[in-house]
Amino acid sequence: MQNFRNLKVWQKAHQLALSIYRVTSEFPRDEVFGLRNSLRKTCVDIPAFIAEGSGKASDVEFSRSIGGALALAMRLEYYTLLAFDLKLLSGADHDVVSSDIVELKKMLSGFNRTLR
């Protein structure tokens, strides 16, 4: 078991969650329970999966949690694209968030390889 706060991949995921909350704060009121909620729930679940996995008894179990976090990152990437296409996210916000998601996906994939 390790302290998830010390994992660079968790730190990146946490920063991404904070960014998603920031860029979705101006979404229209009718999106509170729609796409905004989906974006926020997904971005919070990614670092939560990493934190949960860090408490698992084996690297194999931890790897499963990292795989789940990676799947959620893929979902988040789609949600941000949809928000951009719906003109809910500016081009600048989309570019920054998308870049961060791609970087996080690479980090998750690399970390998962080391666990296996």
PDB file of N, CA and C in Angstrom:
ATOM      1  N   MET A   1       0.851  -1.169   0.000  1.00  0.00           N
ATOM      2  CA  MET A   1       0.000   0.000   0.000  1.00  0.00           C
ATOM      3  C   MET A   1       0.900   1.237   0.000  1.00  0.00           C
ATOM      4  N   GLN A   2       0.482   2.230  -0.774  1.00  0.00           N
ATOM      5  CA  GLN A   2       1.263   3.460  -0.836  1.00  0.00           C
ATOM      6  C   GLN A   2       0.351   4.673  -0.717  1.00  0.00           C
ATOM      7  N   ASN A   3       0.934   5.792  -0.404  1.00  0.00           N
ATOM      8  CA  ASN A   3       0.177   7.024  -0.278  1.00  0.00           C
ATOM      9  C   ASN A   3      -0.103   7.562  -1.678  1.00  0.00           C
ATOM     10  N   PHE A   4      -1.361   7.540  -2.083  1.00  0.00           N
ATOM     11  CA  PHE A   4      -1.716   7.954  -3.438  1.00  0.00           C
ATOM     12  C   PHE A   4      -1.332   9.399  -3.722  1.00  0.00           C
ATOM     13  N   ARG A   5      -1.271  10.238  -2.695  1.00  0.00           N
ATOM     14  CA  ARG A   5      -0.931  11.649  -2.902  1.00  0.00           C
ATOM     15  C   ARG A   5       0.488  11.834  -3.444  1.00  0.00           C
ATOM     16  N   ASN A   6       1.331  10.842  -3.241  1.00  0.00           N
ATOM     17  CA  ASN A   6       2.712  10.907  -3.729  1.00  0.00           C
ATOM     18  C   ASN A   6       2.859  10.450  -5.179  1.00  0.00           C
ATOM     19  N   LEU A   7       1.808   9.887  -5.751  1.00  0.00           N
ATOM     20  CA  LEU A   7       1.872   9.386  -7.126  1.00  0.00           C
ATOM     21  C   LEU A   7       1.665  10.532  -8.111  1.00  0.00           C
ATOM     22  N   LYS A   8       2.619  10.700  -9.021  1.00  0.00           N
ATOM     23  CA  LYS A   8       2.520  11.781 -10.009  1.00  0.00           C
ATOM     24  C   LYS A   8       1.267  11.634 -10.872  1.00  0.00           C
ATOM     25  N   VAL A   9       0.881  10.408 -11.162  1.00  0.00           N
ATOM     26  CA  VAL A   9      -0.302  10.178 -11.975  1.00  0.00           C
ATOM     27  C   VAL A   9      -1.560  10.625 -11.221  1.00  0.00           C
ATOM     28  N   TRP A  10      -1.600  10.412  -9.925  1.00  0.00           N
ATOM     29  CA  TRP A  10      -2.742  10.900  -9.136  1.00  0.00           C
ATOM     30  C   TRP A  10      -2.735  12.423  -9.103  1.00  0.00           C
ATOM     31  N   GLN A  11      -1.572  13.023  -8.902  1.00  0.00           N
ATOM     32  CA  GLN A  11      -1.466  14.484  -8.861  1.00  0.00           C
ATOM     33  C   GLN A  11      -1.970  15.097 -10.168  1.00  0.00           C
ATOM     34  N   LYS A  12      -1.599  14.490 -11.293  1.00  0.00           N
ATOM     35  CA  LYS A  12      -2.053  14.982 -12.601  1.00  0.00           C
ATOM     36  C   LYS A  12      -3.568  14.843 -12.727  1.00  0.00           C
ATOM     37  N   ALA A  13      -4.102  13.707 -12.299  1.00  0.00           N
ATOM     38  CA  ALA A  13      -5.545  13.473 -12.371  1.00  0.00           C
ATOM     39  C   ALA A  13      -6.304  14.453 -11.475  1.00  0.00           C
ATOM     40  N   HIS A  14      -5.760  14.730 -10.316  1.00  0.00           N
ATOM     41  CA  HIS A  14      -6.386  15.675  -9.394  1.00  0.00           C
ATOM     42  C   HIS A  14      -6.398  17.084  -9.994  1.00  0.00           C
ATOM     43  N   GLN A  15      -5.280  17.496 -10.581  1.00  0.00           N
ATOM     44  CA  GLN A  15      -5.212  18.811 -11.220  1.00  0.00           C
ATOM     45  C   GLN A  15      -6.192  18.903 -12.394  1.00  0.00           C
ATOM     46  N   LEU A  16      -6.340  17.814 -13.125  1.00  0.00           N
ATOM     47  CA  LEU A  16      -7.295  17.780 -14.229  1.00  0.00           C
ATOM     48  C   LEU A  16      -8.721  17.943 -13.699  1.00  0.00           C
ATOM     49  N   ALA A  17      -9.031  17.280 -12.602  1.00  0.00           N
ATOM     50  CA  ALA A  17     -10.367  17.425 -11.998  1.00  0.00           C
ATOM     51  C   ALA A  17     -10.631  18.878 -11.616  1.00  0.00           C
ATOM     52  N   LEU A  18      -9.636  19.524 -11.034  1.00  0.00           N
ATOM     53  CA  LEU A  18      -9.789  20.932 -10.669  1.00  0.00           C
ATOM     54  C   LEU A  18     -10.022  21.796 -11.922  1.00  0.00           C
ATOM     55  N   SER A  19      -9.311  21.482 -12.997  1.00  0.00           N
ATOM     56  CA  SER A  19      -9.483  22.219 -14.252  1.00  0.00           C
ATOM     57  C   SER A  19     -10.880  22.022 -14.836  1.00  0.00           C
ATOM     58  N   ILE A  20     -11.360  20.797 -14.808  1.00  0.00           N
ATOM     59  CA  ILE A  20     -12.696  20.507 -15.341  1.00  0.00           C
ATOM     60  C   ILE A  20     -13.754  21.268 -14.544  1.00  0.00           C
ATOM     61  N   TYR A  21     -13.609  21.285 -13.237  1.00  0.00           N
ATOM     62  CA  TYR A  21     -14.550  22.049 -12.420  1.00  0.00           C
ATOM     63  C   TYR A  21     -14.512  23.531 -12.805  1.00  0.00           C
ATOM     64  N   ARG A  22     -13.321  24.037 -13.047  1.00  0.00           N
ATOM     65  CA  ARG A  22     -13.187  25.452 -13.413  1.00  0.00           C
ATOM     66  C   ARG A  22     -13.863  25.737 -14.748  1.00  0.00           C
ATOM     67  N   VAL A  23     -13.568  24.941 -15.771  1.00  0.00           N
ATOM     68  CA  VAL A  23     -14.100  25.235 -17.105  1.00  0.00           C
ATOM     69  C   VAL A  23     -15.590  24.933 -17.228  1.00  0.00           C
ATOM     70  N   THR A  24     -16.146  24.130 -16.344  1.00  0.00           N
ATOM     71  CA  THR A  24     -17.582  23.835 -16.411  1.00  0.00           C
ATOM     72  C   THR A  24     -18.415  24.759 -15.518  1.00  0.00           C
ATOM     73  N   SER A  25     -17.758  25.617 -14.765  1.00  0.00           N
ATOM     74  CA  SER A  25     -18.497  26.481 -13.837  1.00  0.00           C
ATOM     75  C   SER A  25     -19.413  27.468 -14.562  1.00  0.00           C
ATOM     76  N   GLU A  26     -19.103  27.770 -15.808  1.00  0.00           N
ATOM     77  CA  GLU A  26     -19.900  28.728 -16.572  1.00  0.00           C
ATOM     78  C   GLU A  26     -20.895  28.060 -17.528  1.00  0.00           C
ATOM     79  N   PHE A  27     -21.055  26.747 -17.423  1.00  0.00           N
ATOM     80  CA  PHE A  27     -22.021  26.068 -18.280  1.00  0.00           C
ATOM     81  C   PHE A  27     -23.421  26.610 -17.987  1.00  0.00           C
ATOM     82  N   PRO A  28     -24.304  26.596 -18.978  1.00  0.00           N
ATOM     83  CA  PRO A  28     -25.668  27.082 -18.750  1.00  0.00           C
ATOM     84  C   PRO A  28     -26.392  26.266 -17.675  1.00  0.00           C
ATOM     85  N   ARG A  29     -27.347  26.909 -17.074  1.00  0.00           N
ATOM     86  CA  ARG A  29     -28.108  26.295 -15.986  1.00  0.00           C
ATOM     87  C   ARG A  29     -28.771  24.973 -16.402  1.00  0.00           C
ATOM     88  N   ASP A  30     -29.215  24.894 -17.645  1.00  0.00           N
ATOM     89  CA  ASP A  30     -29.889  23.666 -18.088  1.00  0.00           C
ATOM     90  C   ASP A  30     -28.928  22.492 -18.263  1.00  0.00           C
ATOM     91  N   GLU A  31     -27.633  22.725 -18.129  1.00  0.00           N
ATOM     92  CA  GLU A  31     -26.643  21.642 -18.201  1.00  0.00           C
ATOM     93  C   GLU A  31     -26.184  21.163 -16.821  1.00  0.00           C
ATOM     94  N   VAL A  32     -26.749  21.717 -15.766  1.00  0.00           N
ATOM     95  CA  VAL A  32     -26.323  21.348 -14.406  1.00  0.00           C
ATOM     96  C   VAL A  32     -26.434  19.849 -14.187  1.00  0.00           C
ATOM     97  N   PHE A  33     -27.509  19.248 -14.662  1.00  0.00           N
ATOM     98  CA  PHE A  33     -27.695  17.808 -14.470  1.00  0.00           C
ATOM     99  C   PHE A  33     -27.431  17.019 -15.748  1.00  0.00           C
ATOM    100  N   GLY A  34     -26.884  17.676 -16.744  1.00  0.00           N
ATOM    101  CA  GLY A  34     -26.585  17.029 -18.008  1.00  0.00           C
ATOM    102  C   GLY A  34     -25.094  16.815 -18.180  1.00  0.00           C
ATOM    103  N   LEU A  35     -24.574  17.420 -19.224  1.00  0.00           N
ATOM    104  CA  LEU A  35     -23.165  17.215 -19.568  1.00  0.00           C
ATOM    105  C   LEU A  35     -22.220  17.728 -18.487  1.00  0.00           C
ATOM    106  N   ARG A  36     -22.559  18.837 -17.845  1.00  0.00           N
ATOM    107  CA  ARG A  36     -21.690  19.337 -16.771  1.00  0.00           C
ATOM    108  C   ARG A  36     -21.540  18.300 -15.673  1.00  0.00           C
ATOM    109  N   ASN A  37     -22.634  17.701 -15.274  1.00  0.00           N
ATOM    110  CA  ASN A  37     -22.593  16.679 -14.235  1.00  0.00           C
ATOM    111  C   ASN A  37     -21.769  15.471 -14.684  1.00  0.00           C
ATOM    112  N   SER A  38     -21.941  15.060 -15.934  1.00  0.00           N
ATOM    113  CA  SER A  38     -21.181  13.913 -16.457  1.00  0.00           C
ATOM    114  C   SER A  38     -19.686  14.206 -16.475  1.00  0.00           C
ATOM    115  N   LEU A  39     -19.318  15.403 -16.917  1.00  0.00           N
ATOM    116  CA  LEU A  39     -17.906  15.793 -16.927  1.00  0.00           C
ATOM    117  C   LEU A  39     -17.328  15.781 -15.515  1.00  0.00           C
ATOM    118  N   ARG A  40     -18.048  16.374 -14.594  1.00  0.00           N
ATOM    119  CA  ARG A  40     -17.540  16.475 -13.230  1.00  0.00           C
ATOM    120  C   ARG A  40     -17.450  15.115 -12.551  1.00  0.00           C
ATOM    121  N   LYS A  41     -18.455  14.291 -12.720  1.00  0.00           N
ATOM    122  CA  LYS A  41     -18.415  12.973 -12.088  1.00  0.00           C
ATOM    123  C   LYS A  41     -17.263  12.142 -12.641  1.00  0.00           C
ATOM    124  N   THR A  42     -17.106  12.171 -13.947  1.00  0.00           N
ATOM    125  CA  THR A  42     -16.048  11.385 -14.573  1.00  0.00           C
ATOM    126  C   THR A  42     -14.669  11.868 -14.137  1.00  0.00           C
ATOM    127  N   CYS A  43     -14.458  13.180 -14.107  1.00  0.00           N
ATOM    128  CA  CYS A  43     -13.125  13.692 -13.762  1.00  0.00           C
ATOM    129  C   CYS A  43     -12.786  13.417 -12.300  1.00  0.00           C
ATOM    130  N   VAL A  44     -13.776  13.337 -11.449  1.00  0.00           N
ATOM    131  CA  VAL A  44     -13.530  13.033 -10.037  1.00  0.00           C
ATOM    132  C   VAL A  44     -13.259  11.535  -9.845  1.00  0.00           C
ATOM    133  N   ASP A  45     -13.909  10.723 -10.658  1.00  0.00           N
ATOM    134  CA  ASP A  45     -13.727   9.275 -10.529  1.00  0.00           C
ATOM    135  C   ASP A  45     -12.324   8.815 -10.924  1.00  0.00           C
ATOM    136  N   ILE A  46     -11.653   9.556 -11.797  1.00  0.00           N
ATOM    137  CA  ILE A  46     -10.317   9.139 -12.239  1.00  0.00           C
ATOM    138  C   ILE A  46      -9.327   9.135 -11.070  1.00  0.00           C
ATOM    139  N   PRO A  47      -9.117  10.258 -10.369  1.00  0.00           N
ATOM    140  CA  PRO A  47      -8.194  10.200  -9.229  1.00  0.00           C
ATOM    141  C   PRO A  47      -8.716   9.307  -8.107  1.00  0.00           C
ATOM    142  N   ALA A  48     -10.038   9.156  -8.006  1.00  0.00           N
ATOM    143  CA  ALA A  48     -10.598   8.265  -6.983  1.00  0.00           C
ATOM    144  C   ALA A  48     -10.221   6.811  -7.272  1.00  0.00           C
ATOM    145  N   PHE A  49     -10.261   6.403  -8.542  1.00  0.00           N
ATOM    146  CA  PHE A  49      -9.852   5.043  -8.909  1.00  0.00           C
ATOM    147  C   PHE A  49      -8.382   4.819  -8.572  1.00  0.00           C
ATOM    148  N   ILE A  50      -7.564   5.826  -8.847  1.00  0.00           N
ATOM    149  CA  ILE A  50      -6.132   5.711  -8.551  1.00  0.00           C
ATOM    150  C   ILE A  50      -5.923   5.588  -7.045  1.00  0.00           C
ATOM    151  N   ALA A  51      -6.605   6.431  -6.282  1.00  0.00           N
ATOM    152  CA  ALA A  51      -6.483   6.387  -4.821  1.00  0.00           C
ATOM    153  C   ALA A  51      -6.943   5.038  -4.285  1.00  0.00           C
ATOM    154  N   GLU A  52      -8.073   4.567  -4.782  1.00  0.00           N
ATOM    155  CA  GLU A  52      -8.596   3.270  -4.349  1.00  0.00           C
ATOM    156  C   GLU A  52      -7.617   2.148  -4.679  1.00  0.00           C
ATOM    157  N   GLY A  53      -7.083   2.189  -5.884  1.00  0.00           N
ATOM    158  CA  GLY A  53      -6.153   1.142  -6.312  1.00  0.00           C
ATOM    159  C   GLY A  53      -4.887   1.108  -5.491  1.00  0.00           C
ATOM    160  N   SER A  54      -4.459   2.270  -5.008  1.00  0.00           N
ATOM    161  CA  SER A  54      -3.218   2.308  -4.219  1.00  0.00           C
ATOM    162  C   SER A  54      -3.348   1.537  -2.910  1.00  0.00           C
ATOM    163  N   GLY A  55      -4.564   1.278  -2.493  1.00  0.00           N
ATOM    164  CA  GLY A  55      -4.786   0.523  -1.263  1.00  0.00           C
ATOM    165  C   GLY A  55      -5.016  -0.959  -1.489  1.00  0.00           C
ATOM    166  N   LYS A  56      -4.937  -1.394  -2.720  1.00  0.00           N
ATOM    167  CA  LYS A  56      -5.155  -2.810  -3.030  1.00  0.00           C
ATOM    168  C   LYS A  56      -3.976  -3.646  -2.557  1.00  0.00           C
ATOM    169  N   ALA A  57      -4.239  -4.913  -2.381  1.00  0.00           N
ATOM    170  CA  ALA A  57      -3.243  -5.818  -1.810  1.00  0.00           C
ATOM    171  C   ALA A  57      -2.134  -6.204  -2.787  1.00  0.00           C
ATOM    172  N   SER A  58      -2.409  -6.108  -4.083  1.00  0.00           N
ATOM    173  CA  SER A  58      -1.390  -6.535  -5.052  1.00  0.00           C
ATOM    174  C   SER A  58      -1.322  -5.559  -6.222  1.00  0.00           C
ATOM    175  N   ASP A  59      -0.222  -5.630  -6.949  1.00  0.00           N
ATOM    176  CA  ASP A  59      -0.059  -4.797  -8.140  1.00  0.00           C
ATOM    177  C   ASP A  59      -1.068  -5.177  -9.223  1.00  0.00           C
ATOM    178  N   VAL A  60      -1.447  -6.447  -9.271  1.00  0.00           N
ATOM    179  CA  VAL A  60      -2.438  -6.888 -10.262  1.00  0.00           C
ATOM    180  C   VAL A  60      -3.771  -6.204  -9.998  1.00  0.00           C
ATOM    181  N   GLU A  61      -4.167  -6.147  -8.741  1.00  0.00           N
ATOM    182  CA  GLU A  61      -5.416  -5.461  -8.385  1.00  0.00           C
ATOM    183  C   GLU A  61      -5.304  -3.961  -8.645  1.00  0.00           C
ATOM    184  N   PHE A  62      -4.163  -3.390  -8.312  1.00  0.00           N
ATOM    185  CA  PHE A  62      -3.923  -1.967  -8.554  1.00  0.00           C
ATOM    186  C   PHE A  62      -4.019  -1.690 -10.049  1.00  0.00           C
ATOM    187  N   SER A  63      -3.474  -2.581 -10.859  1.00  0.00           N
ATOM    188  CA  SER A  63      -3.501  -2.436 -12.306  1.00  0.00           C
ATOM    189  C   SER A  63      -4.932  -2.374 -12.835  1.00  0.00           C
ATOM    190  N   ARG A  64      -5.831  -3.152 -12.246  1.00  0.00           N
ATOM    191  CA  ARG A  64      -7.236  -3.119 -12.659  1.00  0.00           C
ATOM    192  C   ARG A  64      -7.839  -1.736 -12.403  1.00  0.00           C
ATOM    193  N   SER A  65      -7.511  -1.153 -11.261  1.00  0.00           N
ATOM    194  CA  SER A  65      -8.012   0.190 -10.949  1.00  0.00           C
ATOM    195  C   SER A  65      -7.454   1.223 -11.917  1.00  0.00           C
ATOM    196  N   ILE A  66      -6.191   1.081 -12.267  1.00  0.00           N
ATOM    197  CA  ILE A  66      -5.575   2.004 -13.222  1.00  0.00           C
ATOM    198  C   ILE A  66      -6.238   1.842 -14.591  1.00  0.00           C
ATOM    199  N   GLY A  67      -6.547   0.598 -14.951  1.00  0.00           N
ATOM    200  CA  GLY A  67      -7.274   0.356 -16.202  1.00  0.00           C
ATOM    201  C   GLY A  67      -8.634   1.037 -16.196  1.00  0.00           C
ATOM    202  N   GLY A  68      -9.314   0.989 -15.061  1.00  0.00           N
ATOM    203  CA  GLY A  68     -10.595   1.684 -14.936  1.00  0.00           C
ATOM    204  C   GLY A  68     -10.432   3.183 -15.063  1.00  0.00           C
ATOM    205  N   ALA A  69      -9.378   3.721 -14.452  1.00  0.00           N
ATOM    206  CA  ALA A  69      -9.103   5.161 -14.552  1.00  0.00           C
ATOM    207  C   ALA A  69      -8.820   5.549 -16.001  1.00  0.00           C
ATOM    208  N   LEU A  70      -8.108   4.693 -16.719  1.00  0.00           N
ATOM    209  CA  LEU A  70      -7.809   4.970 -18.127  1.00  0.00           C
ATOM    210  C   LEU A  70      -9.093   4.980 -18.961  1.00  0.00           C
ATOM    211  N   ALA A  71      -9.983   4.036 -18.709  1.00  0.00           N
ATOM    212  CA  ALA A  71     -11.268   4.010 -19.425  1.00  0.00           C
ATOM    213  C   ALA A  71     -12.058   5.284 -19.142  1.00  0.00           C
ATOM    214  N   LEU A  72     -12.030   5.735 -17.910  1.00  0.00           N
ATOM    215  CA  LEU A  72     -12.722   6.981 -17.564  1.00  0.00           C
ATOM    216  C   LEU A  72     -12.084   8.184 -18.250  1.00  0.00           C
ATOM    217  N   ALA A  73     -10.767   8.172 -18.389  1.00  0.00           N
ATOM    218  CA  ALA A  73     -10.082   9.264 -19.084  1.00  0.00           C
ATOM    219  C   ALA A  73     -10.518   9.311 -20.554  1.00  0.00           C
ATOM    220  N   MET A  74     -10.716   8.143 -21.147  1.00  0.00           N
ATOM    221  CA  MET A  74     -11.211   8.091 -22.535  1.00  0.00           C
ATOM    222  C   MET A  74     -12.617   8.683 -22.607  1.00  0.00           C
ATOM    223  N   ARG A  75     -13.455   8.347 -21.633  1.00  0.00           N
ATOM    224  CA  ARG A  75     -14.809   8.893 -21.578  1.00  0.00           C
ATOM    225  C   ARG A  75     -14.758  10.416 -21.421  1.00  0.00           C
ATOM    226  N   LEU A  76     -13.883  10.874 -20.528  1.00  0.00           N
ATOM    227  CA  LEU A  76     -13.745  12.308 -20.293  1.00  0.00           C
ATOM    228  C   LEU A  76     -13.305  13.023 -21.565  1.00  0.00           C
ATOM    229  N   GLU A  77     -12.424  12.394 -22.315  1.00  0.00           N
ATOM    230  CA  GLU A  77     -11.967  12.989 -23.571  1.00  0.00           C
ATOM    231  C   GLU A  77     -13.154  13.198 -24.525  1.00  0.00           C
ATOM    232  N   TYR A  78     -14.033  12.211 -24.591  1.00  0.00           N
ATOM    233  CA  TYR A  78     -15.217  12.360 -25.437  1.00  0.00           C
ATOM    234  C   TYR A  78     -16.143  13.463 -24.913  1.00  0.00           C
ATOM    235  N   TYR A  79     -16.400  13.472 -23.616  1.00  0.00           N
ATOM    236  CA  TYR A  79     -17.285  14.486 -23.046  1.00  0.00           C
ATOM    237  C   TYR A  79     -16.766  15.899 -23.321  1.00  0.00           C
ATOM    238  N   THR A  80     -15.458  16.084 -23.241  1.00  0.00           N
ATOM    239  CA  THR A  80     -14.919  17.428 -23.507  1.00  0.00           C
ATOM    240  C   THR A  80     -15.068  17.780 -24.990  1.00  0.00           C
ATOM    241  N   LEU A  81     -14.904  16.807 -25.861  1.00  0.00           N
ATOM    242  CA  LEU A  81     -15.120  17.048 -27.294  1.00  0.00           C
ATOM    243  C   LEU A  81     -16.575  17.426 -27.553  1.00  0.00           C
ATOM    244  N   LEU A  82     -17.491  16.714 -26.933  1.00  0.00           N
ATOM    245  CA  LEU A  82     -18.910  17.017 -27.082  1.00  0.00           C
ATOM    246  C   LEU A  82     -19.217  18.428 -26.564  1.00  0.00           C
ATOM    247  N   ALA A  83     -18.675  18.765 -25.398  1.00  0.00           N
ATOM    248  CA  ALA A  83     -18.894  20.105 -24.841  1.00  0.00           C
ATOM    249  C   ALA A  83     -18.357  21.190 -25.775  1.00  0.00           C
ATOM    250  N   PHE A  84     -17.214  20.928 -26.392  1.00  0.00           N
ATOM    251  CA  PHE A  84     -16.648  21.880 -27.353  1.00  0.00           C
ATOM    252  C   PHE A  84     -17.553  22.003 -28.578  1.00  0.00           C
ATOM    253  N   ASP A  85     -17.977  20.863 -29.126  1.00  0.00           N
ATOM    254  CA  ASP A  85     -18.830  20.882 -30.315  1.00  0.00           C
ATOM    255  C   ASP A  85     -20.173  21.556 -30.045  1.00  0.00           C
ATOM    256  N   LEU A  86     -20.645  21.479 -28.817  1.00  0.00           N
ATOM    257  CA  LEU A  86     -21.895  22.136 -28.429  1.00  0.00           C
ATOM    258  C   LEU A  86     -21.684  23.600 -28.046  1.00  0.00           C
ATOM    259  N   LYS A  87     -20.439  24.049 -28.187  1.00  0.00           N
ATOM    260  CA  LYS A  87     -20.062  25.440 -27.865  1.00  0.00           C
ATOM    261  C   LYS A  87     -20.202  25.772 -26.378  1.00  0.00           C
ATOM    262  N   LEU A  88     -20.055  24.753 -25.541  1.00  0.00           N
ATOM    263  CA  LEU A  88     -20.076  24.955 -24.096  1.00  0.00           C
ATOM    264  C   LEU A  88     -18.674  25.222 -23.562  1.00  0.00           C
ATOM    265  N   LEU A  89     -17.673  24.738 -24.285  1.00  0.00           N
ATOM    266  CA  LEU A  89     -16.265  24.974 -23.941  1.00  0.00           C
ATOM    267  C   LEU A  89     -15.636  25.825 -25.030  1.00  0.00           C
ATOM    268  N   SER A  90     -14.864  26.803 -24.633  1.00  0.00           N
ATOM    269  CA  SER A  90     -14.135  27.612 -25.613  1.00  0.00           C
ATOM    270  C   SER A  90     -13.027  26.775 -26.246  1.00  0.00           C
ATOM    271  N   GLY A  91     -12.547  27.224 -27.361  1.00  0.00           N
ATOM    272  CA  GLY A  91     -11.441  26.534 -28.022  1.00  0.00           C
ATOM    273  C   GLY A  91     -10.211  26.473 -27.147  1.00  0.00           C
ATOM    274  N   ALA A  92      -9.912  27.564 -26.451  1.00  0.00           N
ATOM    275  CA  ALA A  92      -8.729  27.606 -25.583  1.00  0.00           C
ATOM    276  C   ALA A  92      -8.867  26.623 -24.427  1.00  0.00           C
ATOM    277  N   ASP A  93     -10.039  26.614 -23.781  1.00  0.00           N
ATOM    278  CA  ASP A  93     -10.254  25.677 -22.670  1.00  0.00           C
ATOM    279  C   ASP A  93     -10.199  24.237 -23.160  1.00  0.00           C
ATOM    280  N   HIS A  94     -10.810  23.983 -24.317  1.00  0.00           N
ATOM    281  CA  HIS A  94     -10.789  22.626 -24.866  1.00  0.00           C
ATOM    282  C   HIS A  94      -9.367  22.175 -25.163  1.00  0.00           C
ATOM    283  N   ASP A  95      -8.567  23.055 -25.750  1.00  0.00           N
ATOM    284  CA  ASP A  95      -7.188  22.705 -26.088  1.00  0.00           C
ATOM    285  C   ASP A  95      -6.383  22.342 -24.837  1.00  0.00           C
ATOM    286  N   VAL A  96      -6.522  23.144 -23.801  1.00  0.00           N
ATOM    287  CA  VAL A  96      -5.769  22.891 -22.560  1.00  0.00           C
ATOM    288  C   VAL A  96      -6.217  21.594 -21.915  1.00  0.00           C
ATOM    289  N   VAL A  97      -7.520  21.431 -21.766  1.00  0.00           N
ATOM    290  CA  VAL A  97      -8.050  20.238 -21.107  1.00  0.00           C
ATOM    291  C   VAL A  97      -7.736  18.985 -21.924  1.00  0.00           C
ATOM    292  N   SER A  98      -7.897  19.066 -23.234  1.00  0.00           N
ATOM    293  CA  SER A  98      -7.601  17.908 -24.093  1.00  0.00           C
ATOM    294  C   SER A  98      -6.139  17.504 -23.981  1.00  0.00           C
ATOM    295  N   SER A  99      -5.253  18.481 -23.984  1.00  0.00           N
ATOM    296  CA  SER A  99      -3.834  18.202 -23.834  1.00  0.00           C
ATOM    297  C   SER A  99      -3.544  17.522 -22.492  1.00  0.00           C
ATOM    298  N   ASP A 100      -4.180  18.007 -21.444  1.00  0.00           N
ATOM    299  CA  ASP A 100      -4.003  17.401 -20.119  1.00  0.00           C
ATOM    300  C   ASP A 100      -4.544  15.980 -20.078  1.00  0.00           C
ATOM    301  N   ILE A 101      -5.656  15.734 -20.749  1.00  0.00           N
ATOM    302  CA  ILE A 101      -6.227  14.386 -20.782  1.00  0.00           C
ATOM    303  C   ILE A 101      -5.294  13.431 -21.520  1.00  0.00           C
ATOM    304  N   VAL A 102      -4.770  13.871 -22.647  1.00  0.00           N
ATOM    305  CA  VAL A 102      -3.838  13.027 -23.413  1.00  0.00           C
ATOM    306  C   VAL A 102      -2.609  12.701 -22.566  1.00  0.00           C
ATOM    307  N   GLU A 103      -2.075  13.700 -21.894  1.00  0.00           N
ATOM    308  CA  GLU A 103      -0.915  13.466 -21.024  1.00  0.00           C
ATOM    309  C   GLU A 103      -1.260  12.492 -19.906  1.00  0.00           C
ATOM    310  N   LEU A 104      -2.433  12.656 -19.300  1.00  0.00           N
ATOM    311  CA  LEU A 104      -2.850  11.744 -18.231  1.00  0.00           C
ATOM    312  C   LEU A 104      -3.015  10.323 -18.760  1.00  0.00           C
ATOM    313  N   LYS A 105      -3.591  10.165 -19.940  1.00  0.00           N
ATOM    314  CA  LYS A 105      -3.754   8.822 -20.516  1.00  0.00           C
ATOM    315  C   LYS A 105      -2.396   8.155 -20.719  1.00  0.00           C
ATOM    316  N   LYS A 106      -1.419   8.911 -21.177  1.00  0.00           N
ATOM    317  CA  LYS A 106      -0.067   8.360 -21.344  1.00  0.00           C
ATOM    318  C   LYS A 106       0.522   7.952 -20.000  1.00  0.00           C
ATOM    319  N   MET A 107       0.320   8.793 -18.998  1.00  0.00           N
ATOM    320  CA  MET A 107       0.841   8.486 -17.661  1.00  0.00           C
ATOM    321  C   MET A 107       0.172   7.233 -17.099  1.00  0.00           C
ATOM    322  N   LEU A 108      -1.136   7.134 -17.267  1.00  0.00           N
ATOM    323  CA  LEU A 108      -1.863   5.957 -16.777  1.00  0.00           C
ATOM    324  C   LEU A 108      -1.392   4.688 -17.489  1.00  0.00           C
ATOM    325  N   SER A 109      -1.225   4.774 -18.798  1.00  0.00           N
ATOM    326  CA  SER A 109      -0.756   3.604 -19.563  1.00  0.00           C
ATOM    327  C   SER A 109       0.635   3.177 -19.117  1.00  0.00           C
ATOM    328  N   GLY A 110       1.526   4.145 -18.958  1.00  0.00           N
ATOM    329  CA  GLY A 110       2.883   3.823 -18.514  1.00  0.00           C
ATOM    330  C   GLY A 110       2.902   3.254 -17.114  1.00  0.00           C
ATOM    331  N   PHE A 111       2.132   3.838 -16.233  1.00  0.00           N
ATOM    332  CA  PHE A 111       2.070   3.346 -14.857  1.00  0.00           C
ATOM    333  C   PHE A 111       1.501   1.940 -14.827  1.00  0.00           C
ATOM    334  N   ASN A 112       0.497   1.692 -15.656  1.00  0.00           N
ATOM    335  CA  ASN A 112      -0.093   0.359 -15.702  1.00  0.00           C
ATOM    336  C   ASN A 112       0.918  -0.683 -16.186  1.00  0.00           C
ATOM    337  N   ARG A 113       1.743  -0.301 -17.148  1.00  0.00           N
ATOM    338  CA  ARG A 113       2.785  -1.228 -17.617  1.00  0.00           C
ATOM    339  C   ARG A 113       3.752  -1.594 -16.502  1.00  0.00           C
ATOM    340  N   THR A 114       4.111  -0.615 -15.671  1.00  0.00           N
ATOM    341  CA  THR A 114       5.044  -0.909 -14.573  1.00  0.00           C
ATOM    342  C   THR A 114       4.417  -1.803 -13.516  1.00  0.00           C
ATOM    343  N   LEU A 115       3.086  -1.722 -13.374  1.00  0.00           N
ATOM    344  CA  LEU A 115       2.411  -2.569 -12.392  1.00  0.00           C
ATOM    345  C   LEU A 115       2.334  -4.014 -12.841  1.00  0.00           C
ATOM    346  N   ARG A 116       2.265  -4.205 -14.133  1.00  0.00           N
ATOM    347  CA  ARG A 116       2.137  -5.576 -14.674  1.00  0.00           C
ATOM    348  C   ARG A 116       3.502  -6.129 -14.842  1.00  0.00           C
TER     349      ARG A 116
END
